[in-house]
Amino acid sequence: MTTMKPEIDYTLYLVTDRELMSSASVGESVRQAIAGGCTVVQLREKSCSSRKFYETAHSIREITSRLGVPLIINDRPDIALAADADGVHVGQDDLPCGAVRRIVGNDKIIGVSVSNLREALAARDAGADYLGVGAMYATGAKPDAGIAGMEDLRMIRAAIALPIVVIGGINADTVPNFKDTGIDGIAAVSAIVASGDVAGAARKLKKIFAEFRR
């Protein structure tokens, strides 16, 4: 039987961070974010062992499957396969997109972080399914990320038809800046997971984005 890549609504893209989260567990953080309207979840684990990453991914997969939201694994195609996630997201210093595709096959989603048109074109040509453009603003969640300006974003959007999600300093104050940029979604880390009201924070971001998206 041939499997197909899932259709993904990138509107509100959650990136987890156990060091910033206000919730008691990653699972609770994810549940609350989805309750608030998050449409896709990326599990990012930067400091745990491979075993712990796998166990967390497996448990989060059960949550996202039950709630009908796709799960993307950050950096690790092996974890994505082992946990049967919907896809994997890689940055410029991770395995190249083409190599990831050879590992995960054609039925998984691959996202690539880019900060300029050159990187975006390379990702598209290597078979990326969507682009994470950023960091749009300086952010504590990923202080070493390269900054992508609004002009970079517009150039990427004009040249590439792939879905684009912006990331890096995305919050209720900055989301309106993306009006008329043609992006497909906003990715948030601390603006959602560090909030005392995770579901409420997600709901607010989604509402602000929806107001100008169409």
Protein backbone atom coordinates (compact mmCIF):
# COMPACT_ATOMS: atom_id res chain seq x y z
CA MET A 1 0.00 0.00 0.00
CA THR A 2 1.35 3.42 -0.93
CA THR A 3 1.38 5.99 1.85
CA MET A 4 0.93 9.67 1.15
CA LYS A 5 2.42 12.70 2.84
CA PRO A 6 -0.04 14.33 5.21
CA GLU A 7 -1.62 17.60 4.21
CA ILE A 8 -0.45 20.11 6.78
CA ASP A 9 -2.10 23.31 7.92
CA TYR A 10 0.88 25.45 8.91
CA THR A 11 -1.17 28.30 10.40
CA LEU A 12 0.09 27.99 13.98
CA TYR A 13 3.26 25.94 14.29
CA LEU A 14 4.33 25.10 17.83
CA VAL A 15 7.99 24.44 18.62
CA THR A 16 8.45 22.81 22.03
CA ASP A 17 11.10 23.83 24.54
CA ARG A 18 11.23 22.04 27.88
CA GLU A 19 13.57 24.66 29.36
CA LEU A 20 11.15 27.51 28.67
CA MET A 21 7.82 25.79 29.20
CA SER A 22 5.50 26.74 32.04
CA SER A 23 3.77 23.34 31.96
CA ALA A 24 4.70 20.38 34.12
CA SER A 25 5.56 18.24 31.08
CA VAL A 26 6.13 18.51 27.35
CA GLY A 27 3.01 16.46 26.83
CA GLU A 28 0.87 18.87 28.84
CA SER A 29 2.42 21.82 26.99
CA VAL A 30 1.53 20.22 23.66
CA ARG A 31 -2.00 19.30 24.76
CA GLN A 32 -2.72 22.85 25.89
CA ALA A 33 -1.21 24.39 22.75
CA ILE A 34 -3.36 22.18 20.53
CA ALA A 35 -6.40 23.06 22.62
CA GLY A 36 -5.62 26.68 21.82
CA GLY A 37 -5.48 26.03 18.09
CA CYS A 38 -1.94 24.94 17.20
CA THR A 39 -2.10 23.12 13.87
CA VAL A 40 1.31 21.43 13.82
CA VAL A 41 3.83 20.49 16.51
CA GLN A 42 7.59 20.34 16.22
CA LEU A 43 9.29 18.43 19.03
CA ARG A 44 12.65 20.01 19.72
CA GLU A 45 14.93 18.39 22.28
CA LYS A 46 18.41 19.88 22.38
CA SER A 47 19.85 18.50 25.58
CA CYS A 48 18.44 15.04 26.26
CA SER A 49 19.78 11.63 25.30
CA SER A 50 18.65 9.83 22.16
CA ARG A 51 16.75 7.37 24.35
CA LYS A 52 14.91 10.16 26.17
CA PHE A 53 14.22 11.95 22.88
CA TYR A 54 12.71 8.79 21.44
CA GLU A 55 10.57 8.13 24.51
CA THR A 56 9.32 11.71 24.49
CA ALA A 57 8.63 11.58 20.76
CA HIS A 58 6.68 8.36 21.18
CA SER A 59 4.50 9.84 23.91
CA ILE A 60 3.95 13.10 22.03
CA ARG A 61 3.07 11.12 18.90
CA GLU A 62 0.26 9.44 20.81
CA ILE A 63 -1.10 12.86 21.81
CA THR A 64 -0.85 14.45 18.38
CA SER A 65 -2.32 11.41 16.64
CA ARG A 66 -5.28 11.37 19.00
CA LEU A 67 -5.89 15.09 18.46
CA GLY A 68 -5.34 14.99 14.70
CA VAL A 69 -2.29 17.27 14.55
CA PRO A 70 0.90 16.38 12.64
CA LEU A 71 4.16 15.88 14.52
CA ILE A 72 7.51 17.06 13.17
CA ILE A 73 10.79 16.03 14.82
CA ASN A 74 13.60 18.56 15.01
CA ASP A 75 17.01 17.55 13.64
CA ARG A 76 16.67 13.78 13.96
CA PRO A 77 15.39 11.70 11.02
CA ASP A 78 16.10 8.53 13.01
CA ILE A 79 13.82 9.65 15.83
CA ALA A 80 11.17 10.71 13.32
CA LEU A 81 11.19 7.23 11.80
CA ALA A 82 11.32 5.40 15.12
CA ALA A 83 8.36 7.36 16.51
CA ASP A 84 6.49 7.31 13.18
CA ALA A 85 6.26 11.09 13.17
CA ASP A 86 4.88 12.91 10.15
CA GLY A 87 8.18 14.53 9.32
CA VAL A 88 11.47 16.09 10.32
CA HIS A 89 12.82 19.63 10.38
CA VAL A 90 16.48 20.43 9.81
CA GLY A 91 18.63 23.54 9.98
CA GLN A 92 21.61 24.68 7.97
CA ASP A 93 24.05 22.85 10.24
CA ASP A 94 22.12 19.58 10.32
CA LEU A 95 22.03 16.77 7.75
CA PRO A 96 21.29 18.18 4.28
CA CYS A 97 17.72 17.90 3.07
CA GLY A 98 18.64 15.44 0.32
CA ALA A 99 20.33 13.12 2.79
CA VAL A 100 17.35 13.33 5.12
CA ARG A 101 15.05 12.40 2.24
CA ARG A 102 17.10 9.29 1.54
CA ILE A 103 16.71 8.29 5.19
CA VAL A 104 13.02 9.00 5.75
CA GLY A 105 11.66 8.26 2.27
CA ASN A 106 9.09 10.10 0.23
CA ASP A 107 6.10 9.87 2.56
CA LYS A 108 7.53 12.10 5.30
CA ILE A 109 7.40 15.89 5.42
CA ILE A 110 10.77 17.67 5.46
CA GLY A 111 11.11 21.27 6.57
CA VAL A 112 14.29 23.32 6.31
CA SER A 113 15.32 26.44 8.23
CA VAL A 114 16.54 29.20 5.93
CA SER A 115 17.47 32.84 6.37
CA ASN A 116 18.07 34.01 2.80
CA LEU A 117 17.07 33.30 -0.79
CA ARG A 118 20.15 31.21 -1.57
CA GLU A 119 19.41 28.80 1.26
CA ALA A 120 15.73 28.73 0.34
CA LEU A 121 16.39 27.85 -3.29
CA ALA A 122 18.82 25.12 -2.25
CA ALA A 123 16.25 23.66 0.14
CA ARG A 124 13.54 23.71 -2.52
CA ASP A 125 15.79 22.07 -5.08
CA ALA A 126 16.75 19.38 -2.55
CA GLY A 127 13.11 18.44 -2.05
CA ALA A 128 11.97 20.37 1.03
CA ASP A 129 8.23 20.40 1.62
CA TYR A 130 8.15 23.68 3.52
CA LEU A 131 10.52 26.40 4.70
CA GLY A 132 11.02 27.86 8.15
CA VAL A 133 12.24 31.40 7.53
CA GLY A 134 14.07 33.16 10.35
CA ALA A 135 15.06 34.09 12.82
CA MET A 136 12.88 37.09 12.01
CA TYR A 137 13.79 38.72 15.31
CA ALA A 138 16.37 38.03 17.99
CA THR A 139 15.08 35.32 20.30
CA GLY A 140 16.13 33.73 23.58
CA ALA A 141 14.91 30.34 22.39
CA LYS A 142 17.66 30.18 19.76
CA PRO A 143 20.18 32.98 20.40
CA ASP A 144 22.67 31.77 17.78
CA ALA A 145 20.18 31.79 14.89
CA GLY A 146 20.94 33.93 11.85
CA ILE A 147 18.59 36.85 11.35
CA ALA A 148 16.41 37.00 8.25
CA GLY A 149 15.14 40.46 7.37
CA MET A 150 11.70 41.28 6.03
CA GLU A 151 13.26 41.87 2.63
CA ASP A 152 14.76 38.37 2.69
CA LEU A 153 11.32 37.00 3.48
CA ARG A 154 9.69 38.87 0.61
CA MET A 155 12.35 37.70 -1.82
CA ILE A 156 11.88 34.09 -0.75
CA ARG A 157 8.11 34.36 -1.03
CA ALA A 158 8.33 35.88 -4.50
CA ALA A 159 10.64 33.15 -5.77
CA ILE A 160 9.31 30.01 -4.07
CA ALA A 161 5.84 28.48 -3.95
CA LEU A 162 6.51 26.15 -0.99
CA PRO A 163 4.67 26.83 2.28
CA ILE A 164 6.55 29.35 4.42
CA VAL A 165 6.46 29.56 8.20
CA VAL A 166 8.19 32.44 9.96
CA ILE A 167 10.01 31.85 13.23
CA GLY A 168 12.12 33.75 15.73
CA GLY A 169 10.64 36.33 18.06
CA ILE A 170 7.10 35.64 16.90
CA ASN A 171 4.60 36.95 19.44
CA ALA A 172 1.41 38.98 19.69
CA ASP A 173 3.34 42.21 19.07
CA THR A 174 5.29 41.03 16.03
CA VAL A 175 2.70 38.92 14.19
CA PRO A 176 0.96 41.97 12.64
CA ASN A 177 4.24 42.91 10.94
CA PHE A 178 3.72 39.99 8.54
CA LYS A 179 0.59 41.38 6.96
CA ASP A 180 0.78 41.16 3.15
CA THR A 181 3.90 38.96 3.17
CA GLY A 182 2.05 35.91 1.87
CA ILE A 183 3.31 33.57 4.58
CA ASP A 184 1.47 30.34 5.35
CA GLY A 185 2.05 30.21 9.07
CA ILE A 186 3.71 31.52 12.19
CA ALA A 187 5.95 29.41 14.43
CA ALA A 188 6.16 30.23 18.10
CA VAL A 189 8.19 28.91 20.98
CA SER A 190 8.28 31.01 24.16
CA ALA A 191 5.22 33.11 23.21
CA ILE A 192 3.20 29.93 23.69
CA VAL A 193 5.08 27.44 25.87
CA ALA A 194 6.33 29.98 28.44
CA SER A 195 2.91 31.54 28.92
CA GLY A 196 1.00 30.94 32.11
CA ASP A 197 -2.00 30.24 29.88
CA VAL A 198 -0.64 28.12 27.02
CA ALA A 199 -3.99 27.53 25.32
CA GLY A 200 -4.95 31.18 25.65
CA ALA A 201 -1.63 32.36 24.22
CA ALA A 202 -2.01 30.04 21.24
CA ARG A 203 -5.59 31.16 20.68
CA LYS A 204 -4.55 34.83 20.73
CA LEU A 205 -1.72 34.37 18.23
CA LYS A 206 -3.94 32.43 15.87
CA LYS A 207 -6.65 35.08 16.05
CA ILE A 208 -4.22 37.91 15.28
CA PHE A 209 -2.78 36.01 12.32
CA ALA A 210 -6.23 35.11 10.99
CA GLU A 211 -7.34 38.75 11.06
CA PHE A 212 -5.00 39.76 8.24
CA ARG A 213 -4.23 36.50 6.50
CA ARG A 214 -7.13 36.62 4.07
